Protein backbone atom coordinates (compact mmCIF):
# COMPACT_ATOMS: atom_id res chain seq x y z
CA MET A 1 0.01 0.00 0.00
CA SER A 2 1.39 3.43 -0.96
CA PHE A 3 1.16 6.34 1.45
CA HIS A 4 1.18 10.05 0.87
CA ALA A 5 4.39 11.67 2.13
CA VAL A 6 2.35 13.37 4.84
CA ASP A 7 1.30 9.98 6.26
CA GLN A 8 4.68 8.23 6.11
CA ARG A 9 6.65 7.38 9.23
CA LEU A 10 10.37 7.96 9.35
CA PRO A 11 12.96 5.84 11.18
CA LEU A 12 12.79 6.70 14.86
CA VAL A 13 16.13 8.50 15.05
CA ARG A 14 15.42 10.69 12.00
CA GLN A 15 11.90 11.39 13.23
CA ALA A 16 13.19 12.49 16.63
CA ALA A 17 15.94 14.64 15.07
CA PHE A 18 13.59 16.49 12.71
CA GLY A 19 11.01 16.82 15.50
CA LEU A 20 13.61 18.43 17.78
CA GLN A 21 14.63 20.78 14.97
CA HIS A 22 11.03 22.01 14.68
CA VAL A 23 10.96 22.67 18.44
CA LEU A 24 14.22 24.65 18.31
CA ILE A 25 12.90 26.72 15.39
CA MET A 26 9.66 27.73 17.17
CA TYR A 27 10.81 27.74 20.80
CA THR A 28 11.87 31.37 21.05
CA GLY A 29 8.67 32.67 19.48
CA CYS A 30 6.57 30.45 21.73
CA ILE A 31 8.12 31.51 25.04
CA THR A 32 8.31 35.19 24.07
CA VAL A 33 4.55 35.59 24.49
CA PRO A 34 4.41 34.59 28.21
CA LEU A 35 7.63 36.51 28.88
CA VAL A 36 6.26 39.72 27.36
CA PHE A 37 2.81 39.28 28.88
CA GLY A 38 4.25 38.65 32.35
CA ALA A 39 6.51 41.71 32.16
CA ALA A 40 3.71 43.95 30.86
CA VAL A 41 1.29 43.10 33.69
CA GLY A 42 3.96 42.98 36.41
CA LEU A 43 3.96 39.29 37.30
CA ASP A 44 6.74 37.87 39.45
CA LYS A 45 9.23 35.40 37.97
CA SER A 46 7.67 32.33 39.57
CA THR A 47 4.30 33.17 38.01
CA VAL A 48 5.90 33.83 34.63
CA ALA A 49 7.63 30.43 34.90
CA LEU A 50 4.20 28.88 35.48
CA LEU A 51 2.87 30.57 32.35
CA ILE A 52 5.83 29.33 30.29
CA SER A 53 5.28 25.74 31.40
CA ALA A 54 1.56 25.98 30.65
CA ASP A 55 2.32 27.59 27.29
CA LEU A 56 4.64 24.77 26.20
CA LEU A 57 2.26 22.09 27.49
CA ILE A 58 -0.78 23.36 25.57
CA ALA A 59 1.31 24.06 22.45
CA GLY A 60 2.45 20.44 22.54
CA ILE A 61 -1.07 19.08 22.94
CA ILE A 62 -2.45 21.19 20.11
CA THR A 63 0.50 20.30 17.87
CA ILE A 64 -0.24 16.60 18.34
CA ILE A 65 -3.97 17.15 17.71
CA GLN A 66 -3.24 19.06 14.49
CA SER A 67 -0.70 16.49 13.32
CA LEU A 68 -2.47 13.23 14.17
CA GLY A 69 -6.10 14.35 14.39
CA VAL A 70 -8.87 13.29 16.74
CA GLY A 71 -11.29 11.22 14.67
CA LYS A 72 -13.48 13.45 12.55
CA LEU A 73 -13.61 16.13 15.20
CA ALA A 74 -10.31 18.00 15.25
CA GLY A 75 -6.93 18.26 13.60
CA ALA A 76 -5.91 19.03 10.01
CA ARG A 77 -3.59 15.96 9.87
CA LEU A 78 -0.77 17.98 8.37
CA PRO A 79 2.84 18.58 9.49
CA ILE A 80 1.83 21.42 11.78
CA VAL A 81 3.59 22.94 14.80
CA CYS A 82 1.55 25.31 16.97
CA GLY A 83 2.53 27.93 19.50
CA ALA A 84 1.28 31.04 21.26
CA THR A 85 0.07 33.74 18.89
CA PHE A 86 1.19 37.37 19.15
CA ALA A 87 -2.27 38.46 17.97
CA GLY A 88 -3.74 37.93 21.43
CA LEU A 89 -0.96 39.66 23.35
CA THR A 90 -2.15 43.27 23.36
CA PRO A 91 -5.82 42.46 24.11
CA MET A 92 -4.74 40.16 26.96
CA ILE A 93 -2.57 42.89 28.46
CA LEU A 94 -5.45 45.39 28.26
CA ILE A 95 -7.91 42.94 29.81
CA ALA A 96 -5.46 42.12 32.63
CA LYS A 97 -5.00 45.77 33.50
CA GLU A 98 -8.70 46.53 33.39
CA TYR A 99 -10.30 43.41 34.83
CA GLY A 100 -7.51 41.15 36.18
CA LEU A 101 -6.09 37.76 35.25
CA GLN A 102 -9.32 35.90 36.01
CA ALA A 103 -10.96 37.85 33.22
CA VAL A 104 -8.02 37.20 30.87
CA TYR A 105 -8.43 33.44 31.11
CA GLY A 106 -12.22 33.52 31.36
CA SER A 107 -12.46 35.54 28.12
CA MET A 108 -9.89 33.22 26.47
CA LEU A 109 -11.98 30.21 27.43
CA ALA A 110 -15.14 31.86 26.11
CA GLY A 111 -13.35 32.89 22.91
CA GLY A 112 -12.28 29.28 22.44
CA LEU A 113 -15.88 28.10 22.82
CA VAL A 114 -17.02 30.71 20.29
CA GLY A 115 -14.27 29.41 17.99
CA LEU A 116 -15.55 25.85 18.32
CA ALA A 117 -18.99 27.02 17.25
CA LEU A 118 -17.66 29.03 14.32
CA ALA A 119 -15.00 26.65 12.95
CA VAL A 120 -17.21 24.98 10.35
CA PRO A 121 -18.99 28.20 9.21
CA PHE A 122 -15.66 30.01 9.05
CA ALA A 123 -14.14 27.33 6.80
CA ARG A 124 -17.04 27.95 4.42
CA LEU A 125 -16.70 31.75 4.60
CA ILE A 126 -12.93 31.97 4.24
CA ARG A 127 -13.36 34.08 1.09
CA PHE A 128 -14.26 36.98 3.35
CA PHE A 129 -10.77 36.82 4.90
CA PRO A 130 -8.52 37.26 1.85
CA PRO A 131 -4.89 38.46 1.94
CA LEU A 132 -6.28 42.01 1.98
CA VAL A 133 -7.64 41.41 5.51
CA THR A 134 -5.01 39.01 6.92
CA GLY A 135 -2.13 41.11 5.54
CA VAL A 136 -3.44 44.27 7.24
CA VAL A 137 -3.94 42.50 10.58
CA LEU A 138 -0.49 40.83 10.58
CA THR A 139 1.18 44.11 9.70
CA VAL A 140 -0.54 45.92 12.54
CA VAL A 141 0.18 43.02 14.96
CA GLY A 142 3.91 43.24 14.28
CA ILE A 143 4.23 47.04 14.35
CA SER A 144 2.05 47.51 17.43
CA LEU A 145 4.13 45.04 19.47
CA ILE A 146 7.42 46.81 18.79
CA GLY A 147 6.46 49.22 21.58
CA VAL A 148 6.19 46.28 23.94
CA ALA A 149 9.70 45.19 22.99
CA ALA A 150 10.95 48.74 23.61
CA GLY A 151 9.39 48.66 27.08
CA LEU A 152 11.34 45.53 27.91
CA ILE A 153 14.58 47.18 26.86
CA VAL A 154 14.29 50.66 28.38
CA GLY A 155 11.55 50.12 30.97
CA ASN A 156 8.02 51.49 31.24
CA ASP A 157 8.47 53.97 34.09
CA PRO A 158 10.45 57.09 33.11
CA THR A 159 10.83 57.98 36.81
CA ALA A 160 12.56 54.69 37.71
CA ASP A 161 16.29 54.71 38.38
CA GLY A 162 17.11 52.12 35.73
CA PHE A 163 14.97 53.64 33.00
CA ALA A 164 16.75 53.78 29.59
CA ASP A 165 19.92 52.36 31.10
CA PRO A 166 22.63 52.52 28.38
CA GLY A 167 23.89 49.07 29.38
CA ASN A 168 20.45 47.52 28.78
CA ILE A 169 20.13 49.24 25.41
CA MET A 170 23.60 48.03 24.40
CA LEU A 171 22.72 44.48 25.51
CA ALA A 172 19.61 44.51 23.33
CA GLY A 173 21.77 45.81 20.48
CA VAL A 174 24.16 42.89 20.91
CA VAL A 175 21.22 40.47 20.70
CA VAL A 176 20.01 42.09 17.47
CA LEU A 177 23.50 42.05 15.92
CA VAL A 178 24.09 38.40 16.81
CA ALA A 179 20.71 37.50 15.33
CA ILE A 180 21.54 39.41 12.13
CA ALA A 181 24.85 37.57 11.85
CA PHE A 182 23.23 34.15 12.06
CA LEU A 183 20.14 34.99 10.01
CA CYS A 184 22.01 36.67 7.16
CA LEU A 185 25.41 34.93 7.16
CA GLY A 186 24.54 31.50 8.56
CA ARG A 187 23.85 28.37 6.57
CA GLY A 188 21.30 25.61 6.99
CA ILE A 189 20.12 25.01 10.54
CA TRP A 190 22.28 27.86 11.88
CA THR A 191 20.07 30.31 10.03
CA GLN A 192 16.91 28.65 11.33
CA LEU A 193 18.21 28.81 14.92
CA GLY A 194 19.57 32.35 14.61
CA VAL A 195 17.10 34.02 16.98
CA LEU A 196 17.40 31.26 19.59
CA LEU A 197 21.22 31.48 19.49
CA ALA A 198 21.02 35.26 19.86
CA LEU A 199 18.86 34.72 22.97
CA VAL A 200 21.43 32.33 24.44
CA ILE A 201 24.43 34.53 23.65
CA GLY A 202 22.68 37.62 24.97
CA THR A 203 21.91 35.82 28.21
CA LEU A 204 25.59 34.82 28.57
CA VAL A 205 26.63 38.45 28.05
CA ALA A 206 24.13 39.52 30.71
CA ILE A 207 25.64 37.27 33.40
CA PRO A 208 28.64 39.51 34.25
CA MET A 209 26.29 42.50 34.11
CA GLY A 210 24.39 41.06 37.08
CA LEU A 211 21.08 40.92 35.20
CA ILE A 212 20.28 37.26 35.87
CA ASP A 213 18.81 35.93 39.09
CA LEU A 214 18.56 32.13 39.20
CA GLY A 215 17.66 32.08 42.87
CA GLY A 216 14.25 30.51 42.23
CA VAL A 217 15.53 27.66 40.09
CA SER A 218 16.73 25.44 42.92
CA GLY A 219 13.36 25.62 44.65
CA SER A 220 11.28 24.66 41.61
CA PRO A 221 10.43 20.98 41.09
CA TRP A 222 11.62 18.85 38.20
CA PHE A 223 8.15 17.60 37.42
CA GLY A 224 4.75 19.23 37.74
CA ILE A 225 1.65 20.38 35.92
CA THR A 226 -0.11 23.73 36.09
CA ALA A 227 -3.24 23.63 38.23
CA PRO A 228 -6.43 24.52 36.33
CA PHE A 229 -7.62 28.11 36.93
CA HIS A 230 -4.49 28.96 38.91
CA PHE A 231 -5.56 32.60 39.25
CA GLY A 232 -9.05 31.77 40.50
CA ALA A 233 -12.50 31.19 39.06
CA PRO A 234 -12.75 32.60 35.53
CA GLU A 235 -14.62 35.81 34.90
CA PHE A 236 -16.38 36.78 31.68
CA PRO A 237 -16.69 40.53 31.07
CA ILE A 238 -18.63 40.92 27.85
CA THR A 239 -16.15 43.31 26.26
CA ALA A 240 -13.23 41.03 27.08
CA VAL A 241 -15.06 38.03 25.60
CA VAL A 242 -15.78 40.00 22.41
CA ALA A 243 -12.12 41.04 22.17
CA MET A 244 -10.83 37.47 22.53
CA SER A 245 -13.46 36.23 20.07
CA ILE A 246 -12.08 38.70 17.53
CA VAL A 247 -8.59 37.40 18.30
CA MET A 248 -9.86 33.89 17.57
CA ALA A 249 -11.20 35.05 14.18
CA VAL A 250 -7.81 36.59 13.39
CA VAL A 251 -6.07 33.35 14.37
CA PHE A 252 -8.51 31.40 12.17
CA ALA A 253 -7.63 33.54 9.15
CA GLU A 254 -3.90 33.24 9.83
CA SER A 255 -4.01 29.47 10.37
CA THR A 256 -6.16 28.92 7.29
CA ALA A 257 -3.51 30.61 5.16
CA SER A 258 -0.84 28.37 6.72
CA MET A 259 -2.89 25.21 6.15
CA LEU A 260 -3.46 26.09 2.50
CA ALA A 261 0.26 26.76 2.13
CA LEU A 262 1.08 23.35 3.65
CA GLY A 263 -1.38 21.72 1.29
CA GLU A 264 0.53 23.20 -1.63
CA ILE A 265 3.96 22.35 -0.17
CA THR A 266 3.10 18.73 0.58
CA GLY A 267 0.90 18.20 -2.46
CA LYS A 268 -2.05 17.12 -0.36
CA PRO A 269 -5.30 18.80 -1.47
CA LEU A 270 -7.35 20.12 1.45
CA THR A 271 -11.10 19.93 1.77
CA LYS A 272 -13.26 22.38 3.71
CA GLY A 273 -13.58 19.60 6.30
CA ASP A 274 -9.79 19.48 6.73
CA VAL A 275 -9.68 23.25 7.22
CA ALA A 276 -12.61 23.16 9.65
CA ARG A 277 -10.93 20.47 11.77
CA GLY A 278 -7.75 22.51 11.79
CA LEU A 279 -9.68 25.52 13.06
CA VAL A 280 -11.24 23.35 15.75
CA GLY A 281 -7.67 22.68 16.90
CA ASP A 282 -7.04 26.42 17.18
CA ALA A 283 -10.27 26.88 19.15
CA LEU A 284 -9.31 24.05 21.51
CA SER A 285 -6.12 25.96 22.34
CA GLY A 286 -8.32 28.80 23.60
CA VAL A 287 -10.39 26.43 25.72
CA LEU A 288 -7.40 24.56 27.14
CA GLY A 289 -5.41 27.78 27.48
CA GLY A 290 -8.21 29.36 29.48
CA ILE A 291 -8.33 26.36 31.81
CA PHE A 292 -4.60 25.80 32.23
CA ASN A 293 -3.40 29.44 32.19
CA ALA A 294 -1.77 29.30 28.77
CA PHE A 295 -2.33 31.19 25.50
CA VAL A 296 -4.23 30.92 22.23
CA ASP A 297 -2.16 28.99 19.68
CA THR A 298 -1.72 29.39 15.96
CA ILE A 299 0.21 27.50 13.26
CA PHE A 300 3.77 28.80 13.30
CA THR A 301 4.75 30.02 9.83
CA GLN A 302 8.47 29.50 10.49
CA ASN A 303 7.76 25.78 10.83
CA VAL A 304 5.75 25.84 7.61
CA GLY A 305 8.91 27.23 6.05
CA ALA A 306 10.95 24.45 7.63
CA VAL A 307 8.67 21.82 6.04
CA ALA A 308 9.27 23.42 2.65
CA THR A 309 13.01 23.74 3.19
CA THR A 310 13.73 20.25 4.54
CA ARG A 311 11.11 18.55 2.29
CA VAL A 312 10.26 16.33 5.25
CA HIS A 313 6.46 16.24 4.99
CA SER A 314 5.62 13.60 7.58
CA ARG A 315 3.04 14.67 10.14
CA TYR A 316 4.54 12.16 12.54
CA VAL A 317 7.62 14.34 12.75
CA THR A 318 5.62 17.32 14.00
CA ALA A 319 3.70 14.99 16.34
CA THR A 320 7.09 14.15 17.82
CA SER A 321 7.68 17.91 18.20
CA GLY A 322 4.43 18.09 20.14
CA ALA A 323 5.58 15.31 22.46
CA ILE A 324 8.85 17.17 23.11
CA LEU A 325 6.92 20.35 23.93
CA ILE A 326 4.73 18.44 26.39
CA VAL A 327 7.79 17.06 28.15
CA LEU A 328 9.28 20.58 28.40
CA GLY A 329 5.96 21.87 29.74
CA LEU A 330 6.00 19.27 32.50
CA ILE A 331 9.40 20.42 33.79
CA PRO A 332 8.76 23.53 35.96
CA LYS A 333 12.47 24.04 36.51
CA MET A 334 12.84 24.70 32.77
CA GLY A 335 10.17 27.40 32.98
CA THR A 336 11.93 29.02 35.93
CA VAL A 337 15.22 29.21 34.03
CA VAL A 338 13.49 30.81 31.03
CA ALA A 339 11.64 33.27 33.29
CA ALA A 340 15.02 34.48 34.57
CA LEU A 341 16.05 35.75 31.14
CA PRO A 342 16.91 39.46 31.31
CA ALA A 343 14.21 41.79 29.96
CA PRO A 344 16.61 43.60 27.54
CA VAL A 345 17.53 40.25 25.98
CA VAL A 346 13.87 39.31 25.52
CA GLY A 347 13.22 42.82 24.16
CA GLY A 348 16.02 42.48 21.60
CA VAL A 349 14.60 39.17 20.44
CA GLY A 350 11.14 40.72 20.44
CA ILE A 351 12.24 43.45 18.03
CA ILE A 352 13.19 40.81 15.49
CA LEU A 353 10.19 38.52 16.01
CA PHE A 354 7.60 41.27 16.07
CA SER A 355 9.09 43.03 13.06
CA THR A 356 9.15 39.70 11.21
CA VAL A 357 5.41 39.36 11.80
CA ALA A 358 4.94 42.80 10.27
CA VAL A 359 7.04 41.81 7.26
CA VAL A 360 4.98 38.64 6.82
CA GLY A 361 1.91 40.89 6.75
CA MET A 362 3.48 43.15 4.14
CA ASN A 363 4.44 40.15 2.06
CA THR A 364 0.83 38.92 2.31
CA LEU A 365 -0.36 42.33 1.01
CA ARG A 366 1.80 41.80 -2.10
CA LYS A 367 -0.85 39.31 -3.22
CA VAL A 368 -3.39 42.15 -3.27
CA ASP A 369 -4.00 44.34 -6.30
CA LEU A 370 -2.90 47.62 -4.77
CA SER A 371 -3.20 49.39 -8.09
CA ASP A 372 -6.92 49.27 -7.32
CA ARG A 373 -7.75 52.51 -5.49
CA ILE A 374 -10.42 50.84 -3.30
CA ASN A 375 -8.01 48.12 -2.09
CA THR A 376 -5.34 50.75 -1.44
CA THR A 377 -7.80 52.83 0.56
CA ILE A 378 -8.89 49.81 2.63
CA VAL A 379 -5.28 48.97 3.50
CA ALA A 380 -4.32 52.59 4.27
CA VAL A 381 -7.34 53.29 6.45
CA SER A 382 -7.21 49.99 8.32
CA VAL A 383 -3.49 50.19 9.05
CA GLY A 384 -3.82 53.80 10.11
CA ILE A 385 -6.73 53.12 12.43
CA GLY A 386 -4.98 50.05 13.83
CA LEU A 387 -1.84 51.99 14.73
CA LEU A 388 -3.62 55.00 16.27
CA PRO A 389 -3.74 53.56 19.82
CA GLU A 390 -0.04 52.76 19.61
CA PHE A 391 1.06 56.26 18.62
CA ALA A 392 -1.49 58.15 20.71
CA GLU A 393 -1.35 56.36 24.05
CA GLY A 394 -4.32 57.15 26.23
CA MET A 395 -6.48 58.52 23.40
CA PHE A 396 -9.44 56.47 24.67
CA GLU A 397 -8.90 57.01 28.39
CA HIS A 398 -12.09 59.05 28.74
CA PHE A 399 -14.20 56.29 27.22
CA ASP A 400 -16.03 53.68 29.24
CA SER A 401 -13.72 50.95 30.62
CA SER A 402 -15.43 48.32 28.47
CA ALA A 403 -14.94 50.36 25.31
CA ARG A 404 -11.25 50.83 26.11
CA ILE A 405 -10.63 47.09 25.78
CA LEU A 406 -11.84 47.09 22.19
CA LEU A 407 -10.72 50.53 21.10
CA GLY A 408 -7.37 50.35 22.86
CA SER A 409 -6.28 47.32 20.86
CA GLY A 410 -4.98 48.33 17.47
CA ILE A 411 -5.17 44.71 16.37
CA THR A 412 -8.90 44.61 17.07
CA LEU A 413 -9.50 47.95 15.32
CA ALA A 414 -7.48 46.86 12.28
CA ALA A 415 -9.33 43.55 12.05
CA ILE A 416 -12.78 45.15 12.30
CA SER A 417 -11.88 47.91 9.84
CA ALA A 418 -10.29 45.66 7.20
CA PHE A 419 -13.02 43.02 7.40
CA SER A 420 -15.88 45.55 7.25
CA LEU A 421 -14.45 47.64 4.42
CA ASN A 422 -13.50 44.57 2.39
CA LEU A 423 -17.00 43.16 2.86
CA LEU A 424 -18.59 46.48 1.84
CA PHE A 425 -16.47 47.27 -1.19
CA ASN A 426 -15.44 43.85 -2.48
CA HIS A 427 -18.55 41.78 -1.80
CA THR A 428 -21.45 44.13 -2.52
CA ARG A 429 -22.67 46.14 -5.47
CA ILE A 430 -21.30 49.32 -3.89
CA GLY A 431 -17.72 48.45 -4.74
CA ALA A 432 -18.63 47.22 -8.23
CA ALA A 433 -20.51 50.43 -8.92
CA ALA A 434 -17.60 52.56 -7.62
CA ARG A 435 -15.15 50.74 -9.87
CA ALA A 436 -17.44 51.02 -12.88
CA ALA A 437 -17.89 54.73 -12.32
CA SER A 438 -14.15 55.35 -12.20
CA ALA A 439 -13.28 53.11 -15.16
CA PRO A 440 -11.62 55.01 -18.05
CA VAL A 441 -13.91 55.94 -20.92
CA ILE A 442 -12.95 54.21 -24.16
CA ALA A 443 -12.84 56.62 -27.08
CA THR A 444 -15.28 55.84 -29.88
CA GLU A 445 -13.83 58.25 -32.46
CA PRO A 446 -10.95 57.11 -34.66
CA VAL A 447 -7.50 57.76 -33.23
CA PRO A 448 -5.11 59.52 -35.64
CA PRO A 449 -2.28 57.31 -36.97
CA ILE A 450 0.93 57.32 -34.97
CA SER A 451 2.90 58.71 -37.84
CA GLU A 452 0.64 61.81 -38.07
CA GLU A 453 0.35 62.79 -34.37
CA PRO A 454 3.16 61.00 -32.47
CA HIS A 455 2.89 63.08 -29.33
CA VAL A 456 -0.88 62.82 -29.11
CA ALA A 457 -0.72 59.09 -29.71
CA ALA A 458 1.93 58.65 -27.05
CA ARG A 459 -0.11 60.58 -24.50
CA ALA A 460 -3.22 58.54 -25.38
């Protein structure tokens, strides 16, 4: 019996090696989300360590579900590696500051349940989330998070003694330069691991600077699992639930694009059922993340690139990656070590990762006909509206607290704007009429020969 390359098993050693490579490629991006979230809301290192362990555990579970599938219910059965999405970071920070951590995980849980209900309909309505919409959202996600990376490097309190410390800025600069060296000059796996190696080298440089405190490592256990609802009974503020539901829709659009790309790379045609089951996997990450204090997961595009580069298409390889992530998530001591990473090092890595997300968004927008004035207007307006809260901090501070959660997230504003304008102008008669009205009028009178009126003909 012949198998598709996606369904073939590799020898155990090769399968483990390629699975570990996938983990190393995505690891930095995965742990950056809990590190940035913890720093932004002022969590202590032990709590951040807990979030890291939960993050890796849920990422591993969802990766296995997406790779192997759960009957006809969930999983795209493709070589997929999942991890925490940056799209949910800003809304989670806003919710935490306004309502507390119980609301963060309650709204994530509710958003996951909404996602479960919408997975099948969304797979059928994917045409309403073209590159015009996803490109705008990804661009705004990346740009808006650069401010978060800056806060990790220089601090968020201008009155603090260590604010904008030159040593911290130089350390972040070292991290960026090391990453550039590996990413641009490296070969093979060294290029793929460039950001992770920059993180490690930056941490080593930070040791003599006295920026690392490993005091909590010895007291953390070698084995453990995050208790459900660690921060207390979940709470469900309506605005927070709406915000996380929008995040889930953004994740759906992003993951759908990745699944379609994997279908092309592996040569396995995807049905709407395959896409729907993949989206169910994303929604389950919201449900499990809300219960176990983790984060909403998406398909990591860097791992999609690794599948294309290595030409190893087996979904059992990525299932092995999921198993490795689960093991890492069950080792609290590992989370404690990661939580001790200096903020400037994480900020330096964040600059690269967040900017890369923005570049992915720009690359997605290249698929859009931007010579069309309506498409150009949709992109310009949506990006502009999405970045307003980032460049005018506090512009919505006089609004109701509930409204601030939605309006204060540029990602949410960009998603709503791009989706609504695209729906209005590209899926109704309004846009068709506008394009028809602006179409050039074709002359009906004979045009003089080129030889007689060269300049007129050239202008025409």
